[in-house]
């Protein structure tokens, strides 16, 4: 009616009858008006099309500290990286290794050389060709000392990687080469049956042409380039990271999302309210004490899955009171893990007395601390004795700093730990820290005990025990500063072992030794509690808890 009225000479009468026009609009005027109308409809149509996008809204646990895959500092950032970058291999919907930029690979009979064949026509998101040399340079960069890659140790199975990371040999000595533009060969120090899993997470390429021209600013909005299913659109620290579909991705046609938005979660209660309001499609972490309340409302939307991972307390072995092994053992003895799992976490199976999650591949028997079966009273008596031997008592109580992520869940757990320690005369200063600050404090050694989350980079026991490797002292893999020559030797022996049973026996011996030293006190096994909207398709449970957005789908809205 509005468009029709514009073309008439006068208003439509209240009766609804339209009088004969006094004159017709001139042809030029009619064309001008028609053009305006068509343009208006085109604009409206564009607005509708823009509004009806398939955008996944998901909430993780913490804000990103970086978008550089060689500088990620905590496990939650791996999800961002999996959306933005793809290595030679990548992760499928169940977090298992699958072909990535490499369409296939072969393994030498001795297991020491993997040859990857790249897909044809690979490109960065800016359209520049991605070739084998880019993977060689990227892996060299990941191990350069100046890169300060917190997870460099995860690549130490590559020939020469440890020496490169220590600055003992130039990066060109790394056992990664490109015989031609579509072939990458990775030579290993020892057989690694899970190399495809490692490269999917820690072997991601970065754009050399930008890193060398922009320096650290290459990850800034407007500069950023990636090769994964999504590319950065906007990053607002402490608010969100929005990524749009990357049309240059080799399987862009199979990505069923136009965009994905990652939100950090510092307060789980706020995230739950946002999910209830329909603002989130996927919430990766639900506090244990909320399960009973939420179960009746959400039913099957609440997914509870046993996962690979350990929540632990890292003790500072480089300075402070926890340098003393008697103090570390006393603090660990006083923690009633069964009570913590039963009363706080509401899941008795979560009580952890060892370092390696149950059920990992090629490790049928896990180790545990020698006091796992002691009654709580016996553990407290022994803890007090050890503290007294170390010089602490009623007149000189042990005081230490307990650092943890600043959210309600971990504060509640910290309060419980403080109460357990008070029973043996220990006073803890509770220090809740924003994630970036906590990571920085731990890296500088500014803590006595700090909550750490061990999420493995693959489904092997080595992914847990490598966190105590003496070569990784001071990094996020080994913040305690643990360095035991016998432990390191056992890991090295296990790494060279081809026989699966012998390898498992060596890893068991190494785990038992580390548990006696207690560089970290195991607290509880990780259990994933997720909220998944019914309209979200393609979500799959997996013990690693890595849910790649590429395989998910939501309706246009």
Protein backbone atom coordinates (compact mmCIF):
# COMPACT_ATOMS: atom_id res chain seq x y z
CA UNK A 1 0.00 0.00 0.00
CA UNK A 2 2.79 2.47 0.84
CA UNK A 3 4.54 2.00 -2.52
CA UNK A 4 1.28 2.17 -4.41
CA UNK A 5 0.31 5.38 -2.62
CA UNK A 6 3.56 7.08 -3.59
CA UNK A 7 2.63 6.68 -7.26
CA UNK A 8 -0.80 8.30 -6.84
CA UNK A 9 -1.67 11.99 -6.92
CA UNK A 10 -3.44 12.15 -3.58
CA UNK A 11 -4.22 10.32 -0.39
CA UNK A 12 -6.56 7.36 -0.30
CA UNK A 13 -9.90 8.38 1.14
CA UNK A 14 -11.01 7.02 4.48
CA UNK A 15 -13.67 5.06 2.62
CA UNK A 16 -10.92 3.05 0.97
CA UNK A 17 -12.03 4.01 -2.54
CA UNK A 18 -9.27 5.40 -4.70
CA UNK A 19 -10.31 8.43 -6.88
CA UNK A 20 -9.13 8.71 -10.45
CA UNK A 21 -5.72 10.44 -10.53
CA UNK A 22 -5.60 13.95 -11.89
CA UNK A 23 -2.55 12.92 -13.95
CA UNK A 24 -0.05 10.06 -14.35
CA UNK A 25 3.49 10.38 -13.07
CA UNK A 26 6.00 11.29 -15.78
CA UNK A 27 8.04 8.33 -17.13
CA UNK A 28 11.37 9.65 -15.75
CA UNK A 29 9.81 10.22 -12.34
CA UNK A 30 8.28 6.75 -12.39
CA UNK A 31 11.68 5.23 -13.17
CA UNK A 32 13.31 7.22 -10.38
CA UNK A 33 10.69 6.12 -7.87
CA UNK A 34 10.90 2.50 -9.03
CA UNK A 35 14.66 2.58 -8.59
CA UNK A 36 14.25 3.83 -5.03
CA UNK A 37 11.74 1.08 -4.30
CA UNK A 38 13.94 -1.67 -5.75
CA UNK A 39 16.93 -0.35 -3.81
CA UNK A 40 14.89 -0.27 -0.62
CA UNK A 41 13.84 -3.89 -1.06
CA UNK A 42 17.42 -4.91 -1.82
CA UNK A 43 18.65 -3.26 1.34
CA UNK A 44 15.91 -4.85 3.40
CA UNK A 45 16.66 -8.20 1.84
CA UNK A 46 20.35 -7.80 2.65
CA UNK A 47 19.52 -6.97 6.24
CA UNK A 48 17.36 -10.07 6.54
CA UNK A 49 20.06 -12.23 4.96
CA UNK A 50 22.67 -10.83 7.32
CA UNK A 51 20.44 -11.39 10.33
CA UNK A 52 19.67 -14.99 9.32
CA UNK A 53 23.16 -16.34 9.85
CA UNK A 54 24.18 -19.66 11.34
CA UNK A 55 26.19 -18.45 14.32
CA UNK A 56 27.32 -20.76 17.10
CA UNK A 57 27.50 -19.11 20.52
CA UNK A 58 29.67 -21.09 22.92
CA UNK A 59 31.18 -20.38 26.32
CA UNK A 60 34.49 -21.77 27.52
CA UNK A 61 36.18 -21.33 30.86
CA UNK A 62 38.70 -18.54 30.47
CA UNK A 63 39.60 -15.66 28.20
CA UNK A 64 42.28 -16.15 25.56
CA UNK A 65 45.71 -14.77 26.36
CA UNK A 66 46.85 -15.05 22.74
CA UNK A 67 45.78 -16.22 19.28
CA UNK A 68 49.28 -17.41 18.42
CA UNK A 69 49.21 -21.24 18.42
CA UNK A 70 52.87 -21.34 19.46
CA UNK A 71 52.26 -19.26 22.57
CA UNK A 72 49.10 -20.69 24.09
CA UNK A 73 49.48 -20.95 27.83
CA UNK A 74 46.47 -22.90 29.07
CA UNK A 75 44.34 -25.78 27.77
CA UNK A 76 41.22 -23.75 27.01
CA UNK A 77 43.08 -21.90 24.26
CA UNK A 78 43.44 -25.14 22.31
CA UNK A 79 39.77 -24.90 21.32
CA UNK A 80 40.34 -21.45 19.81
CA UNK A 81 43.36 -22.76 17.94
CA UNK A 82 41.42 -25.76 16.59
CA UNK A 83 38.89 -23.37 15.07
CA UNK A 84 41.48 -21.06 13.54
CA UNK A 85 44.31 -23.37 12.45
CA UNK A 86 44.76 -26.84 10.98
CA UNK A 87 48.02 -28.75 11.10
CA UNK A 88 49.16 -31.71 9.05
CA UNK A 89 46.60 -33.63 11.07
CA UNK A 90 43.57 -32.29 12.91
CA UNK A 91 40.87 -33.43 15.33
CA UNK A 92 37.50 -34.83 14.37
CA UNK A 93 34.22 -34.36 16.24
CA UNK A 94 35.31 -36.93 18.83
CA UNK A 95 38.77 -35.33 19.24
CA UNK A 96 40.49 -38.18 17.43
CA UNK A 97 43.26 -37.50 14.93
CA UNK A 98 42.25 -37.32 11.26
CA UNK A 99 43.82 -35.97 8.06
CA UNK A 100 44.23 -32.21 8.11
CA UNK A 101 46.33 -30.26 5.65
CA UNK A 102 47.92 -33.61 4.87
CA UNK A 103 45.56 -35.84 2.92
CA UNK A 104 47.61 -38.94 3.78
CA UNK A 105 50.83 -40.12 5.41
CA UNK A 106 53.09 -43.15 5.67
CA UNK A 107 55.25 -44.40 8.54
CA UNK A 108 58.63 -46.06 8.11
CA UNK A 109 58.97 -49.68 9.36
CA UNK A 110 61.05 -48.58 12.37
CA UNK A 111 58.49 -45.90 13.27
CA UNK A 112 61.11 -43.14 13.15
CA UNK A 113 59.99 -41.29 10.05
CA UNK A 114 56.53 -40.02 9.05
CA UNK A 115 55.98 -38.70 5.53
CA UNK A 116 52.96 -36.45 4.98
CA UNK A 117 51.43 -35.63 1.60
CA UNK A 118 49.70 -32.23 1.54
CA UNK A 119 46.36 -31.58 -0.12
CA UNK A 120 46.64 -29.67 -3.40
CA UNK A 121 45.79 -25.96 -3.48
CA UNK A 122 46.11 -25.17 0.24
CA UNK A 123 45.84 -21.45 1.03
CA UNK A 124 45.99 -19.05 3.94
CA UNK A 125 42.89 -16.98 4.62
CA UNK A 126 44.46 -14.06 2.71
CA UNK A 127 44.70 -16.23 -0.41
CA UNK A 128 48.44 -16.84 -0.22
CA UNK A 129 49.60 -20.39 -1.02
CA UNK A 130 50.36 -22.68 1.94
CA UNK A 131 53.15 -25.15 1.17
CA UNK A 132 55.33 -27.74 2.88
CA UNK A 133 58.04 -25.17 3.64
CA UNK A 134 55.53 -23.28 5.79
CA UNK A 135 55.15 -26.31 8.05
CA UNK A 136 58.91 -26.73 8.33
CA UNK A 137 59.42 -23.07 9.26
CA UNK A 138 56.46 -23.12 11.69
CA UNK A 139 57.73 -26.15 13.61
CA UNK A 140 61.15 -24.55 13.81
CA UNK A 141 59.56 -21.38 15.17
CA UNK A 142 57.52 -23.37 17.71
CA UNK A 143 60.79 -24.67 19.17
CA UNK A 144 62.97 -21.56 18.96
CA UNK A 145 63.96 -20.39 22.48
CA UNK A 146 62.86 -16.83 21.68
CA UNK A 147 59.33 -18.03 20.87
CA UNK A 148 59.01 -19.24 24.47
CA UNK A 149 56.39 -21.80 23.52
CA UNK A 150 54.92 -23.11 26.82
CA UNK A 151 54.13 -26.43 25.17
CA UNK A 152 57.39 -26.86 23.25
CA UNK A 153 58.02 -30.02 25.25
CA UNK A 154 55.12 -31.69 23.49
CA UNK A 155 57.27 -31.73 20.31
CA UNK A 156 60.44 -33.12 21.87
CA UNK A 157 59.95 -36.46 20.16
CA UNK A 158 61.01 -34.79 16.90
CA UNK A 159 64.70 -35.33 16.16
CA UNK A 160 66.74 -32.42 17.47
CA UNK A 161 63.75 -30.63 19.03
CA UNK A 162 65.09 -30.60 22.56
CA UNK A 163 68.44 -29.21 21.44
CA UNK A 164 66.75 -26.54 19.33
CA UNK A 165 64.56 -25.50 22.27
CA UNK A 166 67.64 -25.19 24.47
CA UNK A 167 69.42 -23.07 21.89
CA UNK A 168 72.15 -25.68 21.51
CA UNK A 169 71.68 -26.12 17.75
CA UNK A 170 70.12 -23.89 15.08
CA UNK A 171 66.46 -24.48 14.10
CA UNK A 172 67.61 -25.83 10.72
CA UNK A 173 68.82 -28.94 12.56
CA UNK A 174 65.25 -29.86 13.51
CA UNK A 175 64.16 -33.17 11.99
CA UNK A 176 61.45 -31.68 9.78
CA UNK A 177 62.03 -31.20 6.04
CA UNK A 178 60.19 -30.49 2.80
CA UNK A 179 61.53 -32.50 -0.16
CA UNK A 180 58.97 -30.79 -2.40
CA UNK A 181 56.12 -28.25 -1.98
CA UNK A 182 53.58 -30.94 -1.09
CA UNK A 183 55.66 -33.26 1.11
CA UNK A 184 56.64 -32.90 4.76
CA UNK A 185 58.89 -35.47 6.44
CA UNK A 186 59.09 -35.62 10.24
CA UNK A 187 62.00 -37.62 11.67
CA UNK A 188 61.73 -38.75 15.29
CA UNK A 189 64.09 -39.45 18.17
CA UNK A 190 62.08 -42.56 19.02
CA UNK A 191 58.86 -44.26 17.89
CA UNK A 192 55.75 -42.24 18.76
CA UNK A 193 52.51 -44.09 17.98
CA UNK A 194 50.46 -41.00 18.82
CA UNK A 195 52.34 -38.45 16.68
CA UNK A 196 49.18 -37.80 14.65
CA UNK A 197 47.44 -36.64 17.87
CA UNK A 198 50.38 -34.44 18.86
CA UNK A 199 50.63 -32.69 15.50
CA UNK A 200 46.86 -32.08 15.44
CA UNK A 201 47.19 -29.89 18.54
CA UNK A 202 50.77 -28.66 18.71
CA UNK A 203 51.94 -28.73 15.09
CA UNK A 204 49.83 -25.90 13.69
CA UNK A 205 51.39 -23.60 11.09
CA UNK A 206 51.61 -19.82 11.31
CA UNK A 207 51.87 -17.37 8.36
CA UNK A 208 55.59 -16.70 7.99
CA UNK A 209 55.00 -13.73 5.69
CA UNK A 210 53.08 -11.95 8.46
CA UNK A 211 55.11 -13.08 11.45
CA UNK A 212 58.29 -11.78 9.85
CA UNK A 213 56.76 -8.50 8.67
CA UNK A 214 54.48 -7.69 11.64
CA UNK A 215 56.19 -9.38 14.56
CA UNK A 216 53.90 -10.03 17.53
CA UNK A 217 51.30 -7.75 15.96
CA UNK A 218 50.47 -10.39 13.36
CA UNK A 219 47.64 -11.66 15.59
CA UNK A 220 46.06 -8.21 15.85
CA UNK A 221 42.64 -7.65 14.35
CA UNK A 222 43.11 -6.54 10.76
CA UNK A 223 46.45 -8.34 10.43
CA UNK A 224 45.42 -11.82 11.42
CA UNK A 225 45.64 -14.68 8.94
CA UNK A 226 44.91 -18.35 9.57
CA UNK A 227 44.35 -21.55 7.61
CA UNK A 228 41.55 -23.25 9.57
CA UNK A 229 37.79 -23.43 9.11
CA UNK A 230 37.41 -19.97 10.66
CA UNK A 231 39.30 -16.71 10.66
CA UNK A 232 39.32 -13.91 13.22
CA UNK A 233 36.64 -11.25 12.81
CA UNK A 234 36.78 -9.50 16.18
CA UNK A 235 38.53 -10.06 19.50
CA UNK A 236 37.49 -8.15 22.58
CA UNK A 237 39.49 -9.39 25.59
CA UNK A 238 37.31 -10.43 28.51
CA UNK A 239 34.23 -10.19 26.26
CA UNK A 240 34.33 -12.47 23.20
CA UNK A 241 36.18 -13.75 20.15
CA UNK A 242 34.11 -13.79 16.97
CA UNK A 243 35.31 -15.86 14.04
CA UNK A 244 33.78 -16.03 10.58
CA UNK A 245 33.88 -18.93 8.14
CA UNK A 246 37.09 -19.02 6.13
CA UNK A 247 36.27 -19.33 2.40
CA UNK A 248 39.90 -20.37 1.71
CA UNK A 249 39.66 -23.43 3.96
CA UNK A 250 40.14 -26.64 1.99
CA UNK A 251 36.75 -27.98 3.12
CA UNK A 252 34.91 -24.68 3.45
CA UNK A 253 31.84 -26.14 1.74
CA UNK A 254 31.46 -28.65 4.55
CA UNK A 255 31.50 -26.03 7.34
CA UNK A 256 27.85 -25.47 8.26
CA UNK A 257 28.38 -22.35 10.35
CA UNK A 258 28.75 -18.78 9.14
CA UNK A 259 30.45 -17.75 12.35
CA UNK A 260 31.29 -18.87 15.87
CA UNK A 261 31.52 -16.67 18.95
CA UNK A 262 33.56 -17.80 21.96
CA UNK A 263 32.76 -16.19 25.31
CA UNK A 264 34.99 -16.44 28.39
CA UNK A 265 33.39 -17.57 31.62
CA UNK A 266 34.74 -16.30 34.91
CA UNK A 267 31.50 -16.83 36.81
CA UNK A 268 29.65 -20.06 35.90
CA UNK A 269 26.37 -18.81 37.40
CA UNK A 270 26.32 -15.97 34.86
CA UNK A 271 26.97 -18.38 32.00
CA UNK A 272 24.15 -20.65 33.13
CA UNK A 273 21.74 -17.71 33.14
CA UNK A 274 22.83 -16.81 29.62
CA UNK A 275 22.23 -20.38 28.50
CA UNK A 276 18.81 -20.37 30.12
CA UNK A 277 18.01 -17.16 28.25
CA UNK A 278 18.93 -18.80 24.94
CA UNK A 279 22.04 -16.65 24.43
CA UNK A 280 24.39 -19.66 24.39
CA UNK A 281 24.21 -22.89 22.42
CA UNK A 282 26.97 -24.66 24.30
CA UNK A 283 28.38 -24.20 27.79
CA UNK A 284 31.52 -26.22 28.35
CA UNK A 285 31.60 -26.20 32.15
CA UNK A 286 28.81 -26.57 34.69
CA UNK A 287 29.70 -26.52 38.41
CA UNK A 288 29.15 -29.80 40.18
CA UNK A 289 26.93 -28.21 42.82
CA UNK A 290 24.52 -27.04 40.10
CA UNK A 291 23.85 -30.47 38.59
CA UNK A 292 20.99 -31.46 40.90
CA UNK A 293 19.27 -28.12 40.38
CA UNK A 294 19.67 -28.07 36.61
CA UNK A 295 18.92 -31.73 35.84
CA UNK A 296 15.12 -31.48 36.16
CA UNK A 297 15.01 -28.35 33.98
CA UNK A 298 17.38 -29.41 31.21
CA UNK A 299 17.28 -33.21 31.27
CA UNK A 300 19.35 -34.59 28.38
CA UNK A 301 20.75 -31.14 27.59
CA UNK A 302 23.02 -31.66 30.59
CA UNK A 303 25.86 -33.93 29.45
CA UNK A 304 28.10 -35.50 32.08
CA UNK A 305 31.13 -37.30 30.68
CA UNK A 306 34.21 -38.80 32.24
CA UNK A 307 37.22 -37.13 30.68
CA UNK A 308 40.98 -37.29 30.50
CA UNK A 309 42.36 -34.67 32.83
CA UNK A 310 43.60 -33.99 36.33
CA UNK A 311 43.02 -31.09 38.68
CA UNK A 312 46.12 -30.79 40.84
CA UNK A 313 48.02 -28.47 43.15
CA UNK A 314 51.47 -27.61 41.81
CA UNK A 315 53.97 -27.00 44.60
CA UNK A 316 56.81 -24.54 44.04
CA UNK A 317 59.99 -26.60 44.29
CA UNK A 318 62.32 -23.70 43.47
CA UNK A 319 61.65 -21.43 46.42
CA UNK A 320 59.54 -21.06 49.54
CA UNK A 321 58.37 -23.61 52.13
CA UNK A 322 57.24 -26.15 49.52
CA UNK A 323 60.85 -26.74 48.44
CA UNK A 324 60.97 -29.11 51.43
CA UNK A 325 59.69 -32.59 50.43
CA UNK A 326 58.36 -33.11 53.95
CA UNK A 327 56.14 -30.06 53.61
CA UNK A 328 54.81 -31.18 50.22
CA UNK A 329 54.02 -34.65 51.52
CA UNK A 330 52.34 -33.26 54.64
CA UNK A 331 50.12 -30.93 52.61
CA UNK A 332 49.12 -33.78 50.30
CA UNK A 333 48.48 -36.16 53.20
CA UNK A 334 46.05 -33.69 54.76
CA UNK A 335 43.84 -33.49 51.66
CA UNK A 336 40.85 -35.81 52.00
CA UNK A 337 40.20 -36.46 48.33
CA UNK A 338 37.29 -38.80 48.95
CA UNK A 339 35.48 -36.15 51.00
CA UNK A 340 36.26 -33.50 48.40
CA UNK A 341 34.89 -35.63 45.57
CA UNK A 342 31.83 -36.80 47.49
CA UNK A 343 30.75 -33.60 49.24
CA UNK A 344 31.97 -30.80 47.00
CA UNK A 345 32.23 -32.28 43.51
CA UNK A 346 29.25 -34.63 44.02
CA UNK A 347 31.02 -37.40 42.12
CA UNK A 348 32.90 -39.98 44.25
CA UNK A 349 34.72 -41.41 41.21
CA UNK A 350 36.64 -38.15 40.85
CA UNK A 351 38.96 -38.68 43.83
CA UNK A 352 42.48 -38.78 42.35
CA UNK A 353 45.45 -40.43 44.01
CA UNK A 354 47.70 -40.54 40.95
CA UNK A 355 48.74 -38.45 37.95
CA UNK A 356 47.49 -40.42 34.93
CA UNK A 357 43.75 -40.49 34.20
CA UNK A 358 42.16 -43.93 34.17
CA UNK A 359 41.40 -45.39 30.77
CA UNK A 360 44.15 -43.81 28.67
CA UNK A 361 45.60 -45.88 25.84
CA UNK A 362 48.45 -48.36 26.36
CA UNK A 363 48.49 -47.96 30.16
CA UNK A 364 46.41 -50.68 31.86
CA UNK A 365 47.76 -50.10 35.39
CA UNK A 366 47.98 -46.64 36.94
CA UNK A 367 50.06 -45.73 39.99
CA UNK A 368 48.83 -44.05 43.19
CA UNK A 369 50.33 -42.46 46.30
CA UNK A 370 51.37 -44.89 49.02
CA UNK A 371 48.88 -43.39 51.51
CA UNK A 372 45.82 -43.75 49.27
CA UNK A 373 44.24 -46.37 51.56
CA UNK A 374 45.18 -44.78 54.86
CA UNK A 375 42.33 -43.51 57.07
CA UNK A 376 42.08 -39.71 57.30
CA UNK A 377 43.15 -39.73 60.97
CA UNK A 378 46.33 -41.65 60.18
CA UNK A 379 47.19 -39.25 57.37
CA UNK A 380 46.75 -36.24 59.66
CA UNK A 381 49.01 -37.72 62.33
CA UNK A 382 51.75 -38.35 59.80
CA UNK A 383 51.30 -34.87 58.30
CA UNK A 384 51.76 -33.19 61.69
CA UNK A 385 54.87 -35.27 62.35
CA UNK A 386 56.42 -34.26 59.04
CA UNK A 387 55.66 -30.57 59.63
CA UNK A 388 57.19 -30.70 63.07
CA UNK A 389 60.27 -32.37 61.60
CA UNK A 390 60.44 -29.54 59.05
CA UNK A 391 60.38 -26.92 61.82
CA UNK A 392 56.69 -26.03 61.98
CA UNK A 393 54.35 -26.35 64.95
CA UNK A 394 51.78 -24.53 67.11
CA UNK A 395 54.15 -21.65 67.81
CA UNK A 396 55.49 -21.44 64.27
CA UNK A 397 52.66 -22.49 61.95
CA UNK A 398 53.31 -23.02 58.27
CA UNK A 399 51.92 -20.17 56.22
CA UNK A 400 51.69 -20.43 52.46
CA UNK A 401 50.02 -18.86 49.43
CA UNK A 402 47.36 -20.86 47.62
CA UNK A 403 46.70 -19.43 44.13
CA UNK A 404 43.69 -20.43 42.04
CA UNK A 405 41.48 -19.14 39.18
CA UNK A 406 39.19 -16.37 40.42
CA UNK A 407 35.77 -17.98 40.16
CA UNK A 408 33.22 -19.34 42.61
CA UNK A 409 33.99 -23.01 41.95
CA UNK A 410 37.70 -22.85 42.61
CA UNK A 411 37.30 -20.49 45.54
CA UNK A 412 34.97 -23.02 47.13
CA UNK A 413 37.53 -25.77 46.62
CA UNK A 414 40.30 -23.52 47.97
CA UNK A 415 38.25 -22.88 51.11
CA UNK A 416 37.83 -26.63 51.60
CA UNK A 417 41.56 -27.22 51.17
CA UNK A 418 42.31 -24.46 53.67
CA UNK A 419 39.97 -26.12 56.19
CA UNK A 420 41.69 -29.48 55.71
CA UNK A 421 45.12 -27.91 56.17
CA UNK A 422 44.02 -26.08 59.30
CA UNK A 423 43.52 -29.46 60.91
CA UNK A 424 47.30 -29.98 60.75
CA UNK A 425 48.15 -26.41 61.80
CA UNK A 426 48.67 -24.83 58.35
CA UNK A 427 47.39 -21.38 57.46
CA UNK A 428 46.76 -20.62 53.79
CA UNK A 429 46.46 -17.21 52.18
CA UNK A 430 43.83 -17.67 49.47
CA UNK A 431 44.77 -15.80 46.29
CA UNK A 432 42.12 -15.80 43.57
CA UNK A 433 43.66 -14.64 40.29
CA UNK A 434 42.32 -13.76 36.85
CA UNK A 435 43.62 -16.38 34.44
CA UNK A 436 46.25 -14.24 32.74
CA UNK A 437 47.62 -13.03 36.06
CA UNK A 438 47.65 -16.57 37.46
CA UNK A 439 49.54 -17.92 34.44
CA UNK A 440 52.08 -15.10 34.72
CA UNK A 441 52.52 -15.58 38.48
CA UNK A 442 53.09 -19.31 38.07
CA UNK A 443 55.58 -18.72 35.25
CA UNK A 444 57.53 -16.32 37.51
CA UNK A 445 57.40 -18.75 40.41
CA UNK A 446 55.32 -16.33 42.50
CA UNK A 447 53.33 -18.98 44.35
CA UNK A 448 53.66 -21.70 46.98
CA UNK A 449 50.79 -23.90 45.83
CA UNK A 450 48.72 -23.25 42.71
CA UNK A 451 45.77 -25.01 41.17
CA UNK A 452 46.67 -26.42 37.75
CA UNK A 453 44.64 -28.37 35.22
CA UNK A 454 46.41 -31.17 33.38
CA UNK A 455 44.52 -31.74 30.15
CA UNK A 456 46.55 -34.13 28.00
CA UNK A 457 47.57 -33.31 24.47
CA UNK A 458 46.79 -36.88 23.45
CA UNK A 459 45.31 -40.07 24.88
CA UNK A 460 48.60 -41.53 26.16
CA UNK A 461 50.04 -41.72 29.69
CA UNK A 462 53.10 -39.82 28.50
CA UNK A 463 50.91 -36.75 27.98
CA UNK A 464 50.48 -36.58 31.76
CA UNK A 465 53.95 -37.57 32.91
CA UNK A 466 55.77 -35.28 30.48
CA UNK A 467 54.47 -32.40 32.61
CA UNK A 468 57.12 -33.35 35.16
CA UNK A 469 59.96 -33.68 32.67
CA UNK A 470 63.04 -31.87 33.97
CA UNK A 471 63.61 -30.36 30.53
CA UNK A 472 60.36 -28.41 30.85
CA UNK A 473 61.15 -26.72 34.18
CA UNK A 474 59.55 -23.31 34.51
CA UNK A 475 57.11 -23.64 31.64
CA UNK A 476 53.39 -24.28 31.84
CA UNK A 477 54.09 -28.01 31.45
CA UNK A 478 56.24 -28.12 34.59
CA UNK A 479 55.49 -25.08 36.75
CA UNK A 480 56.64 -26.87 39.91
CA UNK A 481 60.20 -26.96 38.69
CA UNK A 482 60.45 -30.71 39.25
CA UNK A 483 63.75 -32.17 38.07
CA UNK A 484 64.60 -35.76 38.95
CA UNK A 485 67.27 -37.44 36.84
CA UNK A 486 65.88 -40.92 37.49
CA UNK A 487 62.38 -39.86 36.47
CA UNK A 488 63.68 -38.23 33.29
CA UNK A 489 65.68 -41.36 32.47
CA UNK A 490 62.61 -43.57 32.88
CA UNK A 491 60.61 -41.34 30.54
CA UNK A 492 63.43 -41.48 28.02
CA UNK A 493 63.58 -45.28 28.25
CA UNK A 494 59.82 -45.57 27.83
CA UNK A 495 59.98 -43.28 24.80
CA UNK A 496 62.47 -45.56 23.06
CA UNK A 497 60.56 -48.72 23.89
CA UNK A 498 58.67 -50.43 21.09
CA UNK A 499 57.18 -53.18 23.26
CA UNK A 500 53.88 -51.83 24.63
CA UNK A 501 53.95 -53.79 27.89
CA UNK A 502 57.53 -52.85 28.70
CA UNK A 503 56.79 -49.23 27.88
CA UNK A 504 53.80 -49.24 30.27
CA UNK A 505 55.94 -50.76 33.04
CA UNK A 506 58.55 -48.01 32.69
CA UNK A 507 55.89 -45.29 32.76
CA UNK A 508 54.35 -46.89 35.87
CA UNK A 509 57.74 -46.81 37.59
CA UNK A 510 58.18 -43.16 36.63
CA UNK A 511 54.74 -42.20 37.91
CA UNK A 512 55.36 -44.03 41.22
CA UNK A 513 58.65 -42.17 41.68
CA UNK A 514 57.09 -38.77 41.00
CA UNK A 515 54.20 -39.44 43.37
CA UNK A 516 56.72 -40.13 46.14
CA UNK A 517 58.33 -36.74 45.47
CA UNK A 518 54.95 -34.96 45.27
CA UNK A 519 55.88 -32.01 43.02
CA UNK A 520 52.12 -31.73 42.60
CA UNK A 521 49.29 -33.07 44.72
CA UNK A 522 46.61 -34.81 42.63
CA UNK A 523 43.14 -33.68 43.67
CA UNK A 524 40.47 -35.06 41.37
CA UNK A 525 39.93 -36.47 37.92
CA UNK A 526 38.30 -34.21 35.43
CA UNK A 527 34.64 -34.78 34.64
CA UNK A 528 33.04 -32.79 31.86
CA UNK A 529 29.66 -31.28 32.68
CA UNK A 530 28.23 -29.51 29.63
CA UNK A 531 25.02 -27.85 28.62
CA UNK A 532 24.20 -28.52 24.97
CA UNK A 533 21.22 -26.88 23.30
CA UNK A 534 18.80 -29.20 21.45
CA UNK A 535 19.18 -27.06 18.34
CA UNK A 536 22.95 -27.69 18.25
CA UNK A 537 23.75 -30.56 15.90
CA UNK A 538 27.07 -32.33 15.43
CA UNK A 539 28.22 -32.15 19.05
CA UNK A 540 29.90 -35.35 20.24
CA UNK A 541 31.11 -36.34 23.70
CA UNK A 542 34.78 -37.23 24.00
CA UNK A 543 37.18 -37.88 26.90
CA UNK A 544 39.56 -35.11 25.84
CA UNK A 545 36.82 -32.50 26.09
CA UNK A 546 37.88 -30.75 22.87
CA UNK A 547 34.82 -29.85 20.81
CA UNK A 548 35.77 -28.43 17.41
CA UNK A 549 33.20 -25.95 16.09
CA UNK A 550 33.74 -27.00 12.47
CA UNK A 551 31.57 -30.12 12.88
CA UNK A 552 28.67 -28.38 14.59
CA UNK A 553 25.55 -26.81 13.13
CA UNK A 554 22.86 -24.42 14.36
CA UNK A 555 19.82 -23.09 12.49
CA UNK A 556 19.94 -19.70 10.80
CA UNK A 557 18.55 -16.95 13.00
